[in-house]
């Protein structure tokens, strides 16, 4: 099953953005300020990135789930996006019916 794992925000200053979003959402940044999560540990995370576009990351567990969900989303109207990815990438870049980019990510490991 696919879930909303994180929202990736394009920012110009990760530390400044992290301070804002931690206070705004009550999130914490254990370790790296670019990766915020709810203090409870439950719920979607926020990833702050200076080089990537703003997009959603949908999470699945395992390679088979990744293939299945990508196929399902494409059947619903999403389209694959040609994006430079490393050979061992555990995610696929798609666009929704409005052209908004999102990733389907295997977070199993």
PDB file of N, CA and C in Angstrom:
ATOM      1  N   UNK A   1       0.839  -1.172   0.000  1.00  0.00           N
ATOM      2  CA  UNK A   1       0.000   0.000   0.000  1.00  0.00           C
ATOM      3  C   UNK A   1       0.888   1.241   0.000  1.00  0.00           C
ATOM      4  N   UNK A   2       0.538   2.227  -0.780  1.00  0.00           N
ATOM      5  CA  UNK A   2       1.305   3.463  -0.868  1.00  0.00           C
ATOM      6  C   UNK A   2       0.805   4.442   0.204  1.00  0.00           C
ATOM      7  N   UNK A   3       1.737   5.174   0.804  1.00  0.00           N
ATOM      8  CA  UNK A   3       1.378   6.208   1.781  1.00  0.00           C
ATOM      9  C   UNK A   3       2.151   7.484   1.464  1.00  0.00           C
ATOM     10  N   UNK A   4       1.632   8.603   1.927  1.00  0.00           N
ATOM     11  CA  UNK A   4       2.359   9.862   1.802  1.00  0.00           C
ATOM     12  C   UNK A   4       3.455   9.843   2.853  1.00  0.00           C
ATOM     13  N   UNK A   5       4.693   9.700   2.403  1.00  0.00           N
ATOM     14  CA  UNK A   5       5.820   9.600   3.325  1.00  0.00           C
ATOM     15  C   UNK A   5       6.415  10.938   3.678  1.00  0.00           C
ATOM     16  N   UNK A   6       6.605  11.794   2.640  1.00  0.00           N
ATOM     17  CA  UNK A   6       7.202  13.098   2.908  1.00  0.00           C
ATOM     18  C   UNK A   6       6.854  14.082   1.805  1.00  0.00           C
ATOM     19  N   UNK A   7       6.952  15.321   2.170  1.00  0.00           N
ATOM     20  CA  UNK A   7       6.886  16.412   1.202  1.00  0.00           C
ATOM     21  C   UNK A   7       8.293  16.981   1.108  1.00  0.00           C
ATOM     22  N   UNK A   8       8.770  17.134  -0.110  1.00  0.00           N
ATOM     23  CA  UNK A   8      10.096  17.711  -0.339  1.00  0.00           C
ATOM     24  C   UNK A   8       9.884  19.172  -0.731  1.00  0.00           C
ATOM     25  N   UNK A   9      10.456  20.088   0.036  1.00  0.00           N
ATOM     26  CA  UNK A   9      10.348  21.515  -0.263  1.00  0.00           C
ATOM     27  C   UNK A   9      11.675  22.042  -0.777  1.00  0.00           C
ATOM     28  N   UNK A  10      11.630  22.773  -1.853  1.00  0.00           N
ATOM     29  CA  UNK A  10      12.814  23.461  -2.349  1.00  0.00           C
ATOM     30  C   UNK A  10      12.996  24.722  -1.513  1.00  0.00           C
ATOM     31  N   UNK A  11      14.164  24.856  -0.898  1.00  0.00           N
ATOM     32  CA  UNK A  11      14.456  26.011  -0.046  1.00  0.00           C
ATOM     33  C   UNK A  11      15.816  26.588  -0.417  1.00  0.00           C
ATOM     34  N   UNK A  12      16.040  27.845  -0.057  1.00  0.00           N
ATOM     35  CA  UNK A  12      17.339  28.452  -0.334  1.00  0.00           C
ATOM     36  C   UNK A  12      18.280  28.372   0.863  1.00  0.00           C
ATOM     37  N   UNK A  13      17.747  28.114   2.064  1.00  0.00           N
ATOM     38  CA  UNK A  13      18.561  28.024   3.273  1.00  0.00           C
ATOM     39  C   UNK A  13      17.950  26.945   4.165  1.00  0.00           C
ATOM     40  N   UNK A  14      18.565  25.776   4.192  1.00  0.00           N
ATOM     41  CA  UNK A  14      18.007  24.644   4.934  1.00  0.00           C
ATOM     42  C   UNK A  14      17.867  24.961   6.418  1.00  0.00           C
ATOM     43  N   UNK A  15      18.877  25.542   7.032  1.00  0.00           N
ATOM     44  CA  UNK A  15      18.809  25.807   8.472  1.00  0.00           C
ATOM     45  C   UNK A  15      17.707  26.797   8.817  1.00  0.00           C
ATOM     46  N   UNK A  16      17.571  27.859   8.038  1.00  0.00           N
ATOM     47  CA  UNK A  16      16.514  28.850   8.287  1.00  0.00           C
ATOM     48  C   UNK A  16      15.144  28.199   8.098  1.00  0.00           C
ATOM     49  N   UNK A  17      14.982  27.452   7.021  1.00  0.00           N
ATOM     50  CA  UNK A  17      13.701  26.789   6.759  1.00  0.00           C
ATOM     51  C   UNK A  17      13.391  25.764   7.841  1.00  0.00           C
ATOM     52  N   UNK A  18      14.411  25.032   8.291  1.00  0.00           N
ATOM     53  CA  UNK A  18      14.196  24.029   9.333  1.00  0.00           C
ATOM     54  C   UNK A  18      13.701  24.672  10.616  1.00  0.00           C
ATOM     55  N   UNK A  19      14.292  25.790  11.007  1.00  0.00           N
ATOM     56  CA  UNK A  19      13.837  26.475  12.214  1.00  0.00           C
ATOM     57  C   UNK A  19      12.382  26.914  12.089  1.00  0.00           C
ATOM     58  N   UNK A  20      12.029  27.444  10.939  1.00  0.00           N
ATOM     59  CA  UNK A  20      10.639  27.867  10.717  1.00  0.00           C
ATOM     60  C   UNK A  20       9.686  26.685  10.803  1.00  0.00           C
ATOM     61  N   UNK A  21       9.964  25.618  10.026  1.00  0.00           N
ATOM     62  CA  UNK A  21       9.034  24.492   9.948  1.00  0.00           C
ATOM     63  C   UNK A  21       8.977  23.696  11.245  1.00  0.00           C
ATOM     64  N   UNK A  22      10.074  23.621  11.990  1.00  0.00           N
ATOM     65  CA  UNK A  22      10.026  22.955  13.293  1.00  0.00           C
ATOM     66  C   UNK A  22       9.046  23.676  14.210  1.00  0.00           C
ATOM     67  N   UNK A  23       9.111  24.996  14.227  1.00  0.00           N
ATOM     68  CA  UNK A  23       8.211  25.782  15.072  1.00  0.00           C
ATOM     69  C   UNK A  23       6.787  25.769  14.537  1.00  0.00           C
ATOM     70  N   UNK A  24       6.631  25.875  13.227  1.00  0.00           N
ATOM     71  CA  UNK A  24       5.291  25.930  12.630  1.00  0.00           C
ATOM     72  C   UNK A  24       4.528  24.623  12.813  1.00  0.00           C
ATOM     73  N   UNK A  25       5.230  23.488  12.676  1.00  0.00           N
ATOM     74  CA  UNK A  25       4.553  22.195  12.698  1.00  0.00           C
ATOM     75  C   UNK A  25       4.795  21.382  13.966  1.00  0.00           C
ATOM     76  N   UNK A  26       5.694  21.845  14.832  1.00  0.00           N
ATOM     77  CA  UNK A  26       6.051  21.061  16.006  1.00  0.00           C
ATOM     78  C   UNK A  26       6.880  19.836  15.631  1.00  0.00           C
ATOM     79  N   UNK A  27       7.629  19.927  14.524  1.00  0.00           N
ATOM     80  CA  UNK A  27       8.466  18.832  14.052  1.00  0.00           C
ATOM     81  C   UNK A  27       9.836  18.908  14.715  1.00  0.00           C
ATOM     82  N   UNK A  28      10.571  17.821  14.630  1.00  0.00           N
ATOM     83  CA  UNK A  28      11.933  17.750  15.150  1.00  0.00           C
ATOM     84  C   UNK A  28      12.855  17.309  14.021  1.00  0.00           C
ATOM     85  N   UNK A  29      14.138  17.573  14.214  1.00  0.00           N
ATOM     86  CA  UNK A  29      15.145  17.192  13.216  1.00  0.00           C
ATOM     87  C   UNK A  29      16.253  16.413  13.915  1.00  0.00           C
ATOM     88  N   UNK A  30      16.022  15.132  14.187  1.00  0.00           N
ATOM     89  CA  UNK A  30      17.078  14.350  14.835  1.00  0.00           C
ATOM     90  C   UNK A  30      18.230  14.116  13.864  1.00  0.00           C
ATOM     91  N   UNK A  31      19.353  14.711  14.152  1.00  0.00           N
ATOM     92  CA  UNK A  31      20.518  14.529  13.278  1.00  0.00           C
ATOM     93  C   UNK A  31      20.645  15.607  12.231  1.00  0.00           C
ATOM     94  N   UNK A  32      20.019  15.434  11.096  1.00  0.00           N
ATOM     95  CA  UNK A  32      20.166  16.310   9.936  1.00  0.00           C
ATOM     96  C   UNK A  32      19.003  17.300   9.861  1.00  0.00           C
ATOM     97  N   UNK A  33      19.279  18.625   9.857  1.00  0.00           N
ATOM     98  CA  UNK A  33      18.188  19.600   9.827  1.00  0.00           C
ATOM     99  C   UNK A  33      17.354  19.560   8.551  1.00  0.00           C
ATOM    100  N   UNK A  34      17.830  18.882   7.518  1.00  0.00           N
ATOM    101  CA  UNK A  34      17.081  18.808   6.261  1.00  0.00           C
ATOM    102  C   UNK A  34      15.949  17.786   6.323  1.00  0.00           C
ATOM    103  N   UNK A  35      15.946  16.924   7.346  1.00  0.00           N
ATOM    104  CA  UNK A  35      14.942  15.871   7.445  1.00  0.00           C
ATOM    105  C   UNK A  35      14.148  16.043   8.736  1.00  0.00           C
ATOM    106  N   UNK A  36      12.967  16.599   8.602  1.00  0.00           N
ATOM    107  CA  UNK A  36      12.112  16.868   9.760  1.00  0.00           C
ATOM    108  C   UNK A  36      11.029  15.803   9.856  1.00  0.00           C
ATOM    109  N   UNK A  37      10.654  15.485  11.080  1.00  0.00           N
ATOM    110  CA  UNK A  37       9.564  14.531  11.295  1.00  0.00           C
ATOM    111  C   UNK A  37       8.720  15.000  12.474  1.00  0.00           C
ATOM    112  N   UNK A  38       7.483  14.520  12.555  1.00  0.00           N
ATOM    113  CA  UNK A  38       6.665  14.869  13.709  1.00  0.00           C
ATOM    114  C   UNK A  38       7.339  14.399  14.995  1.00  0.00           C
ATOM    115  N   UNK A  39       7.184  15.173  16.055  1.00  0.00           N
ATOM    116  CA  UNK A  39       7.803  14.819  17.332  1.00  0.00           C
ATOM    117  C   UNK A  39       7.334  13.441  17.801  1.00  0.00           C
ATOM    118  N   UNK A  40       6.099  13.073  17.474  1.00  0.00           N
ATOM    119  CA  UNK A  40       5.561  11.767  17.869  1.00  0.00           C
ATOM    120  C   UNK A  40       6.175  10.624  17.065  1.00  0.00           C
ATOM    121  N   UNK A  41       6.802  10.956  15.941  1.00  0.00           N
ATOM    122  CA  UNK A  41       7.345   9.932  15.058  1.00  0.00           C
ATOM    123  C   UNK A  41       6.337   9.426  14.050  1.00  0.00           C
ATOM    124  N   UNK A  42       5.071   9.785  14.191  1.00  0.00           N
ATOM    125  CA  UNK A  42       4.013   9.333  13.297  1.00  0.00           C
ATOM    126  C   UNK A  42       3.609  10.445  12.345  1.00  0.00           C
ATOM    127  N   UNK A  43       3.414  10.108  11.084  1.00  0.00           N
ATOM    128  CA  UNK A  43       2.931  11.084  10.116  1.00  0.00           C
ATOM    129  C   UNK A  43       3.964  11.432   9.070  1.00  0.00           C
ATOM    130  N   UNK A  44       3.546  12.173   8.058  1.00  0.00           N
ATOM    131  CA  UNK A  44       4.443  12.534   6.958  1.00  0.00           C
ATOM    132  C   UNK A  44       5.619  13.378   7.431  1.00  0.00           C
ATOM    133  N   UNK A  45       6.741  13.178   6.793  1.00  0.00           N
ATOM    134  CA  UNK A  45       7.956  13.937   7.100  1.00  0.00           C
ATOM    135  C   UNK A  45       8.091  15.113   6.143  1.00  0.00           C
ATOM    136  N   UNK A  46       9.005  15.985   6.443  1.00  0.00           N
ATOM    137  CA  UNK A  46       9.300  17.140   5.597  1.00  0.00           C
ATOM    138  C   UNK A  46      10.790  17.109   5.296  1.00  0.00           C
ATOM    139  N   UNK A  47      11.115  17.085   4.004  1.00  0.00           N
ATOM    140  CA  UNK A  47      12.515  17.056   3.567  1.00  0.00           C
ATOM    141  C   UNK A  47      12.809  18.406   2.914  1.00  0.00           C
ATOM    142  N   UNK A  48      13.795  19.108   3.419  1.00  0.00           N
ATOM    143  CA  UNK A  48      14.187  20.417   2.896  1.00  0.00           C
ATOM    144  C   UNK A  48      15.391  20.227   1.983  1.00  0.00           C
ATOM    145  N   UNK A  49      15.295  20.735   0.765  1.00  0.00           N
ATOM    146  CA  UNK A  49      16.326  20.468  -0.230  1.00  0.00           C
ATOM    147  C   UNK A  49      16.616  21.733  -1.020  1.00  0.00           C
ATOM    148  N   UNK A  50      17.888  22.070  -1.154  1.00  0.00           N
ATOM    149  CA  UNK A  50      18.285  23.269  -1.897  1.00  0.00           C
ATOM    150  C   UNK A  50      18.404  23.022  -3.394  1.00  0.00           C
ATOM    151  N   UNK A  51      18.385  21.764  -3.829  1.00  0.00           N
ATOM    152  CA  UNK A  51      18.610  21.486  -5.239  1.00  0.00           C
ATOM    153  C   UNK A  51      17.458  20.810  -5.956  1.00  0.00           C
ATOM    154  N   UNK A  52      16.496  20.311  -5.229  1.00  0.00           N
ATOM    155  CA  UNK A  52      15.412  19.555  -5.844  1.00  0.00           C
ATOM    156  C   UNK A  52      14.147  20.404  -5.938  1.00  0.00           C
ATOM    157  N   UNK A  53      13.236  19.974  -6.786  1.00  0.00           N
ATOM    158  CA  UNK A  53      11.956  20.659  -6.915  1.00  0.00           C
ATOM    159  C   UNK A  53      11.015  20.229  -5.793  1.00  0.00           C
ATOM    160  N   UNK A  54      10.067  21.078  -5.459  1.00  0.00           N
ATOM    161  CA  UNK A  54       9.052  20.722  -4.480  1.00  0.00           C
ATOM    162  C   UNK A  54       8.197  19.599  -5.054  1.00  0.00           C
ATOM    163  N   UNK A  55       8.021  18.527  -4.266  1.00  0.00           N
ATOM    164  CA  UNK A  55       7.226  17.388  -4.713  1.00  0.00           C
ATOM    165  C   UNK A  55       6.861  16.492  -3.530  1.00  0.00           C
ATOM    166  N   UNK A  56       5.973  15.553  -3.773  1.00  0.00           N
ATOM    167  CA  UNK A  56       5.596  14.559  -2.775  1.00  0.00           C
ATOM    168  C   UNK A  56       6.423  13.300  -2.970  1.00  0.00           C
ATOM    169  N   UNK A  57       6.718  12.621  -1.865  1.00  0.00           N
ATOM    170  CA  UNK A  57       7.307  11.292  -1.900  1.00  0.00           C
ATOM    171  C   UNK A  57       6.275  10.324  -1.340  1.00  0.00           C
ATOM    172  N   UNK A  58       5.856   9.377  -2.166  1.00  0.00           N
ATOM    173  CA  UNK A  58       4.954   8.324  -1.722  1.00  0.00           C
ATOM    174  C   UNK A  58       5.803   7.114  -1.375  1.00  0.00           C
ATOM    175  N   UNK A  59       5.529   6.492  -0.245  1.00  0.00           N
ATOM    176  CA  UNK A  59       6.363   5.410   0.251  1.00  0.00           C
ATOM    177  C   UNK A  59       5.680   4.058   0.091  1.00  0.00           C
ATOM    178  N   UNK A  60       6.481   3.064  -0.280  1.00  0.00           N
ATOM    179  CA  UNK A  60       6.057   1.672  -0.323  1.00  0.00           C
ATOM    180  C   UNK A  60       7.161   0.825   0.310  1.00  0.00           C
ATOM    181  N   UNK A  61       6.845  -0.418   0.629  1.00  0.00           N
ATOM    182  CA  UNK A  61       7.814  -1.339   1.226  1.00  0.00           C
ATOM    183  C   UNK A  61       8.120  -2.453   0.237  1.00  0.00           C
ATOM    184  N   UNK A  62       9.287  -2.428  -0.387  1.00  0.00           N
ATOM    185  CA  UNK A  62       9.734  -3.510  -1.236  1.00  0.00           C
ATOM    186  C   UNK A  62       9.670  -3.210  -2.724  1.00  0.00           C
ATOM    187  N   UNK A  63      10.532  -3.916  -3.468  1.00  0.00           N
ATOM    188  CA  UNK A  63      10.618  -3.702  -4.912  1.00  0.00           C
ATOM    189  C   UNK A  63       9.335  -4.078  -5.635  1.00  0.00           C
ATOM    190  N   UNK A  64       8.696  -5.165  -5.216  1.00  0.00           N
ATOM    191  CA  UNK A  64       7.447  -5.599  -5.852  1.00  0.00           C
ATOM    192  C   UNK A  64       6.350  -4.554  -5.635  1.00  0.00           C
ATOM    193  N   UNK A  65       6.271  -4.018  -4.416  1.00  0.00           N
ATOM    194  CA  UNK A  65       5.279  -2.975  -4.130  1.00  0.00           C
ATOM    195  C   UNK A  65       5.556  -1.736  -4.963  1.00  0.00           C
ATOM    196  N   UNK A  66       6.831  -1.421  -5.170  1.00  0.00           N
ATOM    197  CA  UNK A  66       7.192  -0.275  -6.000  1.00  0.00           C
ATOM    198  C   UNK A  66       6.670  -0.472  -7.421  1.00  0.00           C
ATOM    199  N   UNK A  67       6.959  -1.628  -8.000  1.00  0.00           N
ATOM    200  CA  UNK A  67       6.488  -1.910  -9.367  1.00  0.00           C
ATOM    201  C   UNK A  67       4.965  -1.879  -9.444  1.00  0.00           C
ATOM    202  N   UNK A  68       4.303  -2.503  -8.477  1.00  0.00           N
ATOM    203  CA  UNK A  68       2.846  -2.578  -8.469  1.00  0.00           C
ATOM    204  C   UNK A  68       2.216  -1.190  -8.366  1.00  0.00           C
ATOM    205  N   UNK A  69       2.720  -0.373  -7.455  1.00  0.00           N
ATOM    206  CA  UNK A  69       2.143   0.962  -7.256  1.00  0.00           C
ATOM    207  C   UNK A  69       2.399   1.865  -8.448  1.00  0.00           C
ATOM    208  N   UNK A  70       3.587   1.784  -9.038  1.00  0.00           N
ATOM    209  CA  UNK A  70       3.867   2.592 -10.225  1.00  0.00           C
ATOM    210  C   UNK A  70       2.897   2.209 -11.338  1.00  0.00           C
ATOM    211  N   UNK A  71       2.712   0.911 -11.557  1.00  0.00           N
ATOM    212  CA  UNK A  71       1.764   0.462 -12.581  1.00  0.00           C
ATOM    213  C   UNK A  71       0.349   0.954 -12.279  1.00  0.00           C
ATOM    214  N   UNK A  72      -0.064   0.862 -11.017  1.00  0.00           N
ATOM    215  CA  UNK A  72      -1.406   1.309 -10.624  1.00  0.00           C
ATOM    216  C   UNK A  72      -1.582   2.800 -10.859  1.00  0.00           C
ATOM    217  N   UNK A  73      -0.586   3.581 -10.466  1.00  0.00           N
ATOM    218  CA  UNK A  73      -0.677   5.034 -10.626  1.00  0.00           C
ATOM    219  C   UNK A  73      -0.680   5.434 -12.099  1.00  0.00           C
ATOM    220  N   UNK A  74       0.112   4.750 -12.902  1.00  0.00           N
ATOM    221  CA  UNK A  74       0.105   5.013 -14.343  1.00  0.00           C
ATOM    222  C   UNK A  74      -1.263   4.670 -14.924  1.00  0.00           C
ATOM    223  N   UNK A  75      -1.878   3.597 -14.458  1.00  0.00           N
ATOM    224  CA  UNK A  75      -3.214   3.234 -14.954  1.00  0.00           C
ATOM    225  C   UNK A  75      -4.266   4.269 -14.561  1.00  0.00           C
ATOM    226  N   UNK A  76      -3.984   5.045 -13.505  1.00  0.00           N
ATOM    227  CA  UNK A  76      -4.905   6.098 -13.062  1.00  0.00           C
ATOM    228  C   UNK A  76      -4.686   7.417 -13.807  1.00  0.00           C
ATOM    229  N   UNK A  77      -3.620   7.488 -14.606  1.00  0.00           N
ATOM    230  CA  UNK A  77      -3.358   8.702 -15.387  1.00  0.00           C
ATOM    231  C   UNK A  77      -2.012   9.351 -15.155  1.00  0.00           C
ATOM    232  N   UNK A  78      -1.234   8.838 -14.204  1.00  0.00           N
ATOM    233  CA  UNK A  78       0.124   9.368 -14.010  1.00  0.00           C
ATOM    234  C   UNK A  78       0.977   8.956 -15.207  1.00  0.00           C
ATOM    235  N   UNK A  79       2.094   9.668 -15.382  1.00  0.00           N
ATOM    236  CA  UNK A  79       3.014   9.293 -16.451  1.00  0.00           C
ATOM    237  C   UNK A  79       4.430   9.278 -15.889  1.00  0.00           C
ATOM    238  N   UNK A  80       5.230   8.380 -16.452  1.00  0.00           N
ATOM    239  CA  UNK A  80       6.635   8.309 -16.055  1.00  0.00           C
ATOM    240  C   UNK A  80       7.363   9.549 -16.553  1.00  0.00           C
ATOM    241  N   UNK A  81       8.304  10.025 -15.765  1.00  0.00           N
ATOM    242  CA  UNK A  81       9.096  11.194 -16.113  1.00  0.00           C
ATOM    243  C   UNK A  81      10.541  10.747 -16.310  1.00  0.00           C
ATOM    244  N   UNK A  82      11.122  11.136 -17.420  1.00  0.00           N
ATOM    245  CA  UNK A  82      12.528  10.827 -17.681  1.00  0.00           C
ATOM    246  C   UNK A  82      13.371  11.729 -16.790  1.00  0.00           C
ATOM    247  N   UNK A  83      13.973  11.148 -15.779  1.00  0.00           N
ATOM    248  CA  UNK A  83      14.726  11.903 -14.779  1.00  0.00           C
ATOM    249  C   UNK A  83      16.041  11.190 -14.559  1.00  0.00           C
ATOM    250  N   UNK A  84      17.151  11.907 -14.511  1.00  0.00           N
ATOM    251  CA  UNK A  84      18.437  11.229 -14.301  1.00  0.00           C
ATOM    252  C   UNK A  84      18.512  10.632 -12.897  1.00  0.00           C
ATOM    253  N   UNK A  85      18.542   9.306 -12.833  1.00  0.00           N
ATOM    254  CA  UNK A  85      18.598   8.591 -11.560  1.00  0.00           C
ATOM    255  C   UNK A  85      19.790   7.640 -11.575  1.00  0.00           C
ATOM    256  N   UNK A  86      20.373   7.385 -10.419  1.00  0.00           N
ATOM    257  CA  UNK A  86      21.442   6.381 -10.372  1.00  0.00           C
ATOM    258  C   UNK A  86      20.873   4.994 -10.689  1.00  0.00           C
ATOM    259  N   UNK A  87      21.720   4.093 -11.138  1.00  0.00           N
ATOM    260  CA  UNK A  87      21.272   2.750 -11.508  1.00  0.00           C
ATOM    261  C   UNK A  87      20.605   2.005 -10.354  1.00  0.00           C
ATOM    262  N   UNK A  88      21.033   2.290  -9.132  1.00  0.00           N
ATOM    263  CA  UNK A  88      20.478   1.585  -7.972  1.00  0.00           C
ATOM    264  C   UNK A  88      19.362   2.374  -7.276  1.00  0.00           C
ATOM    265  N   UNK A  89      18.760   3.328  -7.979  1.00  0.00           N
ATOM    266  CA  UNK A  89      17.701   4.152  -7.385  1.00  0.00           C
ATOM    267  C   UNK A  89      16.551   3.275  -6.914  1.00  0.00           C
ATOM    268  N   UNK A  90      16.051   3.572  -5.740  1.00  0.00           N
ATOM    269  CA  UNK A  90      14.925   2.835  -5.170  1.00  0.00           C
ATOM    270  C   UNK A  90      13.646   3.667  -5.279  1.00  0.00           C
ATOM    271  N   UNK A  91      13.567   4.487  -6.317  1.00  0.00           N
ATOM    272  CA  UNK A  91      12.363   5.279  -6.521  1.00  0.00           C
ATOM    273  C   UNK A  91      12.146   5.551  -8.008  1.00  0.00           C
ATOM    274  N   UNK A  92      10.921   5.926  -8.322  1.00  0.00           N
ATOM    275  CA  UNK A  92      10.518   6.235  -9.684  1.00  0.00           C
ATOM    276  C   UNK A  92       9.881   7.612  -9.673  1.00  0.00           C
ATOM    277  N   UNK A  93      10.211   8.450 -10.644  1.00  0.00           N
ATOM    278  CA  UNK A  93       9.629   9.786 -10.746  1.00  0.00           C
ATOM    279  C   UNK A  93       8.442   9.718 -11.706  1.00  0.00           C
ATOM    280  N   UNK A  94       7.307  10.242 -11.232  1.00  0.00           N
ATOM    281  CA  UNK A  94       6.084  10.291 -12.016  1.00  0.00           C
ATOM    282  C   UNK A  94       5.549  11.717 -12.022  1.00  0.00           C
ATOM    283  N   UNK A  95       4.613  11.971 -12.909  1.00  0.00           N
ATOM    284  CA  UNK A  95       3.865  13.238 -12.914  1.00  0.00           C
ATOM    285  C   UNK A  95       2.390  12.881 -12.844  1.00  0.00           C
ATOM    286  N   UNK A  96       1.638  13.661 -12.081  1.00  0.00           N
ATOM    287  CA  UNK A  96       0.197  13.423 -12.003  1.00  0.00           C
ATOM    288  C   UNK A  96      -0.489  13.961 -13.254  1.00  0.00           C
ATOM    289  N   UNK A  97      -1.795  13.926 -13.274  1.00  0.00           N
ATOM    290  CA  UNK A  97      -2.546  14.356 -14.456  1.00  0.00           C
ATOM    291  C   UNK A  97      -2.419  15.845 -14.732  1.00  0.00           C
ATOM    292  N   UNK A  98      -1.919  16.612 -13.754  1.00  0.00           N
ATOM    293  CA  UNK A  98      -1.721  18.055 -13.924  1.00  0.00           C
ATOM    294  C   UNK A  98      -0.262  18.409 -14.184  1.00  0.00           C
ATOM    295  N   UNK A  99       0.600  17.413 -14.240  1.00  0.00           N
ATOM    296  CA  UNK A  99       2.018  17.650 -14.482  1.00  0.00           C
ATOM    297  C   UNK A  99       2.848  17.835 -13.233  1.00  0.00           C
ATOM    298  N   UNK A 100       2.245  17.704 -12.045  1.00  0.00           N
ATOM    299  CA  UNK A 100       2.985  17.829 -10.791  1.00  0.00           C
ATOM    300  C   UNK A 100       3.841  16.586 -10.576  1.00  0.00           C
ATOM    301  N   UNK A 101       5.112  16.787 -10.295  1.00  0.00           N
ATOM    302  CA  UNK A 101       6.021  15.667 -10.071  1.00  0.00           C
ATOM    303  C   UNK A 101       5.822  15.062  -8.695  1.00  0.00           C
ATOM    304  N   UNK A 102       6.024  13.747  -8.607  1.00  0.00           N
ATOM    305  CA  UNK A 102       6.066  13.047  -7.340  1.00  0.00           C
ATOM    306  C   UNK A 102       6.905  11.798  -7.521  1.00  0.00           C
ATOM    307  N   UNK A 103       7.396  11.274  -6.412  1.00  0.00           N
ATOM    308  CA  UNK A 103       8.212  10.061  -6.449  1.00  0.00           C
ATOM    309  C   UNK A 103       7.494   8.949  -5.714  1.00  0.00           C
ATOM    310  N   UNK A 104       7.672   7.739  -6.192  1.00  0.00           N
ATOM    311  CA  UNK A 104       7.254   6.547  -5.464  1.00  0.00           C
ATOM    312  C   UNK A 104       8.552   5.890  -5.025  1.00  0.00           C
ATOM    313  N   UNK A 105       8.721   5.751  -3.690  1.00  0.00           N
ATOM    314  CA  UNK A 105       9.996   5.347  -3.104  1.00  0.00           C
ATOM    315  C   UNK A 105       9.870   4.048  -2.330  1.00  0.00           C
ATOM    316  N   UNK A 106      10.773   3.120  -2.581  1.00  0.00           N
ATOM    317  CA  UNK A 106      10.879   1.892  -1.796  1.00  0.00           C
ATOM    318  C   UNK A 106      11.708   2.225  -0.562  1.00  0.00           C
ATOM    319  N   UNK A 107      11.063   2.233   0.587  1.00  0.00           N
ATOM    320  CA  UNK A 107      11.754   2.604   1.833  1.00  0.00           C
ATOM    321  C   UNK A 107      12.107   1.390   2.682  1.00  0.00           C
ATOM    322  N   UNK A 108      12.114   0.213   2.057  1.00  0.00           N
ATOM    323  CA  UNK A 108      12.377  -1.015   2.817  1.00  0.00           C
ATOM    324  C   UNK A 108      13.838  -1.182   3.197  1.00  0.00           C
ATOM    325  N   UNK A 109      14.683  -0.381   2.588  1.00  0.00           N
ATOM    326  CA  UNK A 109      16.000  -0.555   3.082  1.00  0.00           C
ATOM    327  C   UNK A 109      17.143  -0.260   2.262  1.00  0.00           C
TER     328      UNK A 109
END
